[in-house]
PDB file of N, CA and C in Angstrom:
ATOM      1  N   MET A   1     -93.645  70.821 100.221  1.00  0.00           N
ATOM      2  CA  MET A   1     -93.228  70.666  98.937  1.00  0.00           C
ATOM      3  C   MET A   1     -94.260  71.526  98.164  1.00  0.00           C
ATOM      4  N   ILE A   2     -94.025  72.481  97.289  1.00  0.00           N
ATOM      5  CA  ILE A   2     -94.866  72.930  96.462  1.00  0.00           C
ATOM      6  C   ILE A   2     -95.523  71.998  95.348  1.00  0.00           C
ATOM      7  N   LYS A   3     -96.735  71.983  95.180  1.00  0.00           N
ATOM      8  CA  LYS A   3     -96.900  71.143  94.046  1.00  0.00           C
ATOM      9  C   LYS A   3     -98.247  71.838  93.033  1.00  0.00           C
ATOM     10  N   ASP A   4     -98.235  71.750  91.887  1.00  0.00           N
ATOM     11  CA  ASP A   4     -99.308  72.112  91.061  1.00  0.00           C
ATOM     12  C   ASP A   4    -100.246  70.731  90.503  1.00  0.00           C
ATOM     13  N   VAL A   5    -101.454  71.051  90.550  1.00  0.00           N
ATOM     14  CA  VAL A   5    -102.505  70.197  90.099  1.00  0.00           C
ATOM     15  C   VAL A   5    -103.536  70.730  89.189  1.00  0.00           C
ATOM     16  N   LYS A   6    -104.106  69.987  88.163  1.00  0.00           N
ATOM     17  CA  LYS A   6    -105.072  70.551  87.496  1.00  0.00           C
ATOM     18  C   LYS A   6    -106.170  69.518  87.811  1.00  0.00           C
ATOM     19  N   LEU A   7    -107.233  69.941  88.053  1.00  0.00           N
ATOM     20  CA  LEU A   7    -108.527  69.421  88.488  1.00  0.00           C
ATOM     21  C   LEU A   7    -109.753  69.327  87.296  1.00  0.00           C
ATOM     22  N   ASN A   8    -110.272  68.248  86.948  1.00  0.00           N
ATOM     23  CA  ASN A   8    -111.424  68.737  86.067  1.00  0.00           C
ATOM     24  C   ASN A   8    -112.742  68.660  87.202  1.00  0.00           C
ATOM     25  N   ILE A   9    -113.486  69.528  86.678  1.00  0.00           N
ATOM     26  CA  ILE A   9    -114.734  69.921  87.743  1.00  0.00           C
ATOM     27  C   ILE A   9    -115.934  69.618  86.667  1.00  0.00           C
ATOM     28  N   GLU A  10    -116.374  68.469  86.977  1.00  0.00           N
ATOM     29  CA  GLU A  10    -117.612  67.983  86.130  1.00  0.00           C
ATOM     30  C   GLU A  10    -118.859  68.919  86.462  1.00  0.00           C
ATOM     31  N   GLY A  11    -119.273  69.273  85.126  1.00  0.00           N
ATOM     32  CA  GLY A  11    -120.689  70.224  85.441  1.00  0.00           C
ATOM     33  C   GLY A  11    -120.338  71.643  85.652  1.00  0.00           C
ATOM     34  N   LEU A  12    -119.302  72.202  85.541  1.00  0.00           N
ATOM     35  CA  LEU A  12    -119.128  73.641  85.885  1.00  0.00           C
ATOM     36  C   LEU A  12    -119.389  74.344  84.635  1.00  0.00           C
ATOM     37  N   SER A  13    -120.383  75.280  84.935  1.00  0.00           N
ATOM     38  CA  SER A  13    -120.620  76.078  83.775  1.00  0.00           C
ATOM     39  C   SER A  13    -121.100  77.558  84.094  1.00  0.00           C
ATOM     40  N   CYS A  14    -120.845  77.753  85.210  1.00  0.00           N
ATOM     41  CA  CYS A  14    -121.123  78.960  85.474  1.00  0.00           C
ATOM     42  C   CYS A  14    -120.190  80.005  86.194  1.00  0.00           C
ATOM     43  N   PRO A  15    -119.936  81.318  85.670  1.00  0.00           N
ATOM     44  CA  PRO A  15    -118.892  82.019  86.220  1.00  0.00           C
ATOM     45  C   PRO A  15    -118.907  82.219  87.586  1.00  0.00           C
ATOM     46  N   ASP A  16    -119.928  82.531  88.182  1.00  0.00           N
ATOM     47  CA  ASP A  16    -120.076  82.741  89.580  1.00  0.00           C
ATOM     48  C   ASP A  16    -119.802  81.404  90.492  1.00  0.00           C
ATOM     49  N   CYS A  17    -120.179  80.394  90.106  1.00  0.00           N
ATOM     50  CA  CYS A  17    -119.786  79.282  90.645  1.00  0.00           C
ATOM     51  C   CYS A  17    -118.133  79.160  90.768  1.00  0.00           C
ATOM     52  N   SER A  18    -117.550  79.298  89.720  1.00  0.00           N
ATOM     53  CA  SER A  18    -116.002  79.119  89.459  1.00  0.00           C
ATOM     54  C   SER A  18    -115.294  80.312  90.277  1.00  0.00           C
ATOM     55  N   LYS A  19    -116.001  81.345  90.426  1.00  0.00           N
ATOM     56  CA  LYS A  19    -115.367  82.452  91.139  1.00  0.00           C
ATOM     57  C   LYS A  19    -115.462  82.249  92.741  1.00  0.00           C
ATOM     58  N   LYS A  20    -116.749  81.404  93.269  1.00  0.00           N
ATOM     59  CA  LYS A  20    -116.760  81.227  94.481  1.00  0.00           C
ATOM     60  C   LYS A  20    -115.897  79.997  94.894  1.00  0.00           C
ATOM     61  N   ILE A  21    -115.656  79.290  94.065  1.00  0.00           N
ATOM     62  CA  ILE A  21    -114.896  77.854  94.336  1.00  0.00           C
ATOM     63  C   ILE A  21    -113.359  78.387  94.296  1.00  0.00           C
ATOM     64  N   GLU A  22    -112.957  79.360  93.414  1.00  0.00           N
ATOM     65  CA  GLU A  22    -111.513  79.930  93.463  1.00  0.00           C
ATOM     66  C   GLU A  22    -111.531  80.529  94.548  1.00  0.00           C
ATOM     67  N   GLN A  23    -112.227  81.304  95.120  1.00  0.00           N
ATOM     68  CA  GLN A  23    -112.168  82.018  96.406  1.00  0.00           C
ATOM     69  C   GLN A  23    -112.121  81.161  97.552  1.00  0.00           C
ATOM     70  N   ALA A  24    -112.786  80.272  97.870  1.00  0.00           N
ATOM     71  CA  ALA A  24    -113.006  79.203  98.564  1.00  0.00           C
ATOM     72  C   ALA A  24    -111.359  78.506  99.003  1.00  0.00           C
ATOM     73  N   LEU A  25    -110.875  78.187  97.506  1.00  0.00           N
ATOM     74  CA  LEU A  25    -109.600  77.391  97.578  1.00  0.00           C
ATOM     75  C   LEU A  25    -108.668  78.696  98.039  1.00  0.00           C
ATOM     76  N   ALA A  26    -108.605  79.685  97.651  1.00  0.00           N
ATOM     77  CA  ALA A  26    -107.494  80.581  97.846  1.00  0.00           C
ATOM     78  C   ALA A  26    -107.517  80.918  99.336  1.00  0.00           C
ATOM     79  N   SER A  27    -108.550  80.755  99.974  1.00  0.00           N
ATOM     80  CA  SER A  27    -108.694  80.953 101.395  1.00  0.00           C
ATOM     81  C   SER A  27    -107.925  79.904 102.429  1.00  0.00           C
ATOM     82  N   GLN A  28    -107.724  78.639 101.927  1.00  0.00           N
ATOM     83  CA  GLN A  28    -107.370  77.630 102.579  1.00  0.00           C
ATOM     84  C   GLN A  28    -105.745  77.512 102.644  1.00  0.00           C
ATOM     85  N   GLU A  29    -105.621  77.487 103.871  1.00  0.00           N
ATOM     86  CA  GLU A  29    -104.274  77.569 104.557  1.00  0.00           C
ATOM     87  C   GLU A  29    -103.421  76.403 103.617  1.00  0.00           C
ATOM     88  N   GLY A  30    -102.259  77.169 103.248  1.00  0.00           N
ATOM     89  CA  GLY A  30    -101.376  76.109 102.235  1.00  0.00           C
ATOM     90  C   GLY A  30    -101.557  76.283 100.932  1.00  0.00           C
ATOM     91  N   VAL A  31    -102.849  76.779 100.540  1.00  0.00           N
ATOM     92  CA  VAL A  31    -103.131  77.028  99.013  1.00  0.00           C
ATOM     93  C   VAL A  31    -102.195  78.626  98.504  1.00  0.00           C
ATOM     94  N   LYS A  32    -101.428  78.374  97.574  1.00  0.00           N
ATOM     95  CA  LYS A  32    -100.626  79.414  96.933  1.00  0.00           C
ATOM     96  C   LYS A  32    -101.692  80.256  95.981  1.00  0.00           C
ATOM     97  N   GLU A  33    -102.111  79.451  95.111  1.00  0.00           N
ATOM     98  CA  GLU A  33    -102.750  80.042  93.920  1.00  0.00           C
ATOM     99  C   GLU A  33    -103.896  79.214  93.518  1.00  0.00           C
ATOM    100  N   ALA A  34    -104.952  79.822  93.184  1.00  0.00           N
ATOM    101  CA  ALA A  34    -106.212  78.925  92.542  1.00  0.00           C
ATOM    102  C   ALA A  34    -106.822  79.716  91.437  1.00  0.00           C
ATOM    103  N   LYS A  35    -106.881  79.065  90.446  1.00  0.00           N
ATOM    104  CA  LYS A  35    -107.572  79.326  89.209  1.00  0.00           C
ATOM    105  C   LYS A  35    -108.503  78.519  88.830  1.00  0.00           C
ATOM    106  N   VAL A  36    -109.881  78.931  88.572  1.00  0.00           N
ATOM    107  CA  VAL A  36    -111.064  77.897  88.091  1.00  0.00           C
ATOM    108  C   VAL A  36    -111.528  78.627  86.910  1.00  0.00           C
ATOM    109  N   LEU A  37    -111.406  77.860  85.804  1.00  0.00           N
ATOM    110  CA  LEU A  37    -111.940  78.314  84.555  1.00  0.00           C
ATOM    111  C   LEU A  37    -113.216  77.688  84.210  1.00  0.00           C
ATOM    112  N   PHE A  38    -114.340  78.558  84.239  1.00  0.00           N
ATOM    113  CA  PHE A  38    -115.799  77.782  84.050  1.00  0.00           C
ATOM    114  C   PHE A  38    -115.894  77.342  82.600  1.00  0.00           C
ATOM    115  N   THR A  39    -114.808  78.249  81.684  1.00  0.00           N
ATOM    116  CA  THR A  39    -114.990  77.740  80.202  1.00  0.00           C
ATOM    117  C   THR A  39    -114.495  76.390  80.004  1.00  0.00           C
ATOM    118  N   THR A  40    -113.702  75.981  80.732  1.00  0.00           N
ATOM    119  CA  THR A  40    -113.274  74.687  80.337  1.00  0.00           C
ATOM    120  C   THR A  40    -113.289  73.682  81.507  1.00  0.00           C
ATOM    121  N   GLY A  41    -113.775  74.179  82.758  1.00  0.00           N
ATOM    122  CA  GLY A  41    -114.100  73.309  83.977  1.00  0.00           C
ATOM    123  C   GLY A  41    -113.003  72.896  84.551  1.00  0.00           C
ATOM    124  N   VAL A  42    -111.949  73.687  84.443  1.00  0.00           N
ATOM    125  CA  VAL A  42    -110.774  73.195  84.898  1.00  0.00           C
ATOM    126  C   VAL A  42    -110.057  74.186  86.080  1.00  0.00           C
ATOM    127  N   ALA A  43    -109.914  73.324  87.179  1.00  0.00           N
ATOM    128  CA  ALA A  43    -109.167  74.139  88.368  1.00  0.00           C
ATOM    129  C   ALA A  43    -107.707  73.876  88.516  1.00  0.00           C
ATOM    130  N   LYS A  44    -106.899  75.162  88.333  1.00  0.00           N
ATOM    131  CA  LYS A  44    -105.666  74.922  88.634  1.00  0.00           C
ATOM    132  C   LYS A  44    -105.087  75.450  90.027  1.00  0.00           C
ATOM    133  N   VAL A  45    -104.482  74.562  90.761  1.00  0.00           N
ATOM    134  CA  VAL A  45    -104.117  74.851  92.169  1.00  0.00           C
ATOM    135  C   VAL A  45    -102.758  74.606  92.606  1.00  0.00           C
ATOM    136  N   LYS A  46    -102.023  75.684  93.144  1.00  0.00           N
ATOM    137  CA  LYS A  46    -100.587  75.593  93.428  1.00  0.00           C
ATOM    138  C   LYS A  46    -100.907  75.383  95.011  1.00  0.00           C
ATOM    139  N   PHE A  47    -100.169  74.432  95.643  1.00  0.00           N
ATOM    140  CA  PHE A  47    -100.237  74.414  97.266  1.00  0.00           C
ATOM    141  C   PHE A  47     -99.094  73.651  97.827  1.00  0.00           C
ATOM    142  N   ASP A  48     -99.190  73.895  99.236  1.00  0.00           N
ATOM    143  CA  ASP A  48     -97.816  73.203  99.744  1.00  0.00           C
ATOM    144  C   ASP A  48     -98.504  72.058 100.545  1.00  0.00           C
ATOM    145  N   ASP A  49     -98.061  70.940 100.002  1.00  0.00           N
ATOM    146  CA  ASP A  49     -98.782  69.659 100.374  1.00  0.00           C
ATOM    147  C   ASP A  49     -98.230  69.237 102.030  1.00  0.00           C
ATOM    148  N   GLY A  50     -97.262  70.205 102.599  1.00  0.00           N
ATOM    149  CA  GLY A  50     -96.799  69.938 103.905  1.00  0.00           C
ATOM    150  C   GLY A  50     -98.034  70.632 104.824  1.00  0.00           C
ATOM    151  N   VAL A  51     -98.864  71.402 104.042  1.00  0.00           N
ATOM    152  CA  VAL A  51    -100.168  72.105 105.124  1.00  0.00           C
ATOM    153  C   VAL A  51    -101.360  71.765 104.707  1.00  0.00           C
ATOM    154  N   ILE A  52    -101.619  71.519 103.470  1.00  0.00           N
ATOM    155  CA  ILE A  52    -102.795  70.909 102.988  1.00  0.00           C
ATOM    156  C   ILE A  52    -102.512  69.947 101.831  1.00  0.00           C
ATOM    157  N   ASP A  53    -103.612  68.745 102.042  1.00  0.00           N
ATOM    158  CA  ASP A  53    -103.428  67.749 100.964  1.00  0.00           C
ATOM    159  C   ASP A  53    -104.397  68.071 100.100  1.00  0.00           C
ATOM    160  N   LEU A  54    -104.460  67.136  98.736  1.00  0.00           N
ATOM    161  CA  LEU A  54    -105.144  67.189  97.733  1.00  0.00           C
ATOM    162  C   LEU A  54    -106.455  66.779  97.992  1.00  0.00           C
ATOM    163  N   ASP A  55    -106.652  65.811  98.931  1.00  0.00           N
ATOM    164  CA  ASP A  55    -107.951  65.380  99.502  1.00  0.00           C
ATOM    165  C   ASP A  55    -108.943  66.632  99.780  1.00  0.00           C
ATOM    166  N   LYS A  56    -108.186  67.564 100.508  1.00  0.00           N
ATOM    167  CA  LYS A  56    -108.901  68.397 101.367  1.00  0.00           C
ATOM    168  C   LYS A  56    -109.237  69.517 100.125  1.00  0.00           C
ATOM    169  N   ILE A  57    -108.571  69.557  99.114  1.00  0.00           N
ATOM    170  CA  ILE A  57    -108.765  70.603  98.227  1.00  0.00           C
ATOM    171  C   ILE A  57    -109.876  70.189  97.259  1.00  0.00           C
ATOM    172  N   ILE A  58    -110.040  68.920  96.878  1.00  0.00           N
ATOM    173  CA  ILE A  58    -111.381  68.127  96.356  1.00  0.00           C
ATOM    174  C   ILE A  58    -112.369  68.349  97.155  1.00  0.00           C
ATOM    175  N   SER A  59    -112.322  68.065  98.583  1.00  0.00           N
ATOM    176  CA  SER A  59    -113.553  68.318  99.256  1.00  0.00           C
ATOM    177  C   SER A  59    -113.907  69.668  99.348  1.00  0.00           C
ATOM    178  N   VAL A  60    -113.014  70.815  99.167  1.00  0.00           N
ATOM    179  CA  VAL A  60    -113.722  72.086  99.135  1.00  0.00           C
ATOM    180  C   VAL A  60    -114.365  72.286  98.063  1.00  0.00           C
ATOM    181  N   ILE A  61    -114.335  71.725  96.719  1.00  0.00           N
ATOM    182  CA  ILE A  61    -114.813  71.527  95.356  1.00  0.00           C
ATOM    183  C   ILE A  61    -116.107  71.063  95.760  1.00  0.00           C
ATOM    184  N   ASN A  62    -116.090  69.638  96.147  1.00  0.00           N
ATOM    185  CA  ASN A  62    -117.102  68.915  96.403  1.00  0.00           C
ATOM    186  C   ASN A  62    -118.081  69.439  97.129  1.00  0.00           C
ATOM    187  N   SER A  63    -117.755  70.452  98.126  1.00  0.00           N
ATOM    188  CA  SER A  63    -118.964  71.122  98.973  1.00  0.00           C
ATOM    189  C   SER A  63    -119.572  71.960  98.284  1.00  0.00           C
ATOM    190  N   PHE A  64    -119.368  72.449  96.867  1.00  0.00           N
ATOM    191  CA  PHE A  64    -120.185  73.217  96.076  1.00  0.00           C
ATOM    192  C   PHE A  64    -121.041  72.527  95.171  1.00  0.00           C
ATOM    193  N   GLY A  65    -121.091  70.940  95.384  1.00  0.00           N
ATOM    194  CA  GLY A  65    -121.839  70.338  94.449  1.00  0.00           C
ATOM    195  C   GLY A  65    -121.444  69.701  93.389  1.00  0.00           C
ATOM    196  N   PHE A  66    -120.162  69.947  93.094  1.00  0.00           N
ATOM    197  CA  PHE A  66    -119.522  69.444  91.975  1.00  0.00           C
ATOM    198  C   PHE A  66    -118.513  68.225  92.191  1.00  0.00           C
ATOM    199  N   ASN A  67    -118.219  67.441  91.157  1.00  0.00           N
ATOM    200  CA  ASN A  67    -117.244  66.153  91.269  1.00  0.00           C
ATOM    201  C   ASN A  67    -116.136  66.572  90.356  1.00  0.00           C
ATOM    202  N   VAL A  68    -115.048  66.101  90.906  1.00  0.00           N
ATOM    203  CA  VAL A  68    -113.628  66.475  90.570  1.00  0.00           C
ATOM    204  C   VAL A  68    -113.193  64.871  89.977  1.00  0.00           C
ATOM    205  N   SER A  69    -112.440  65.167  88.732  1.00  0.00           N
ATOM    206  CA  SER A  69    -111.666  64.098  88.160  1.00  0.00           C
ATOM    207  C   SER A  69    -110.435  64.629  87.867  1.00  0.00           C
ATOM    208  N   ASP A  70    -109.344  63.876  87.957  1.00  0.00           N
ATOM    209  CA  ASP A  70    -108.045  64.287  87.678  1.00  0.00           C
ATOM    210  C   ASP A  70    -107.196  63.903  86.411  1.00  0.00           C
TER     211      ASP A  70
END
């Protein structure tokens, strides 16, 4: 099933960081679309939850040193 989530990324203030997170998310199997807006600190992710789960998506963001809240 395809799901859409909006995640708040705490402390995101750099366009380069948002682009790197966006690319890392988009490269994950099961992620259909990823947009990360540094101006708002929001990640919008469309994914197939039969292939990838929300915990994995959050862990990708956490790997860049940011915390996520929903």
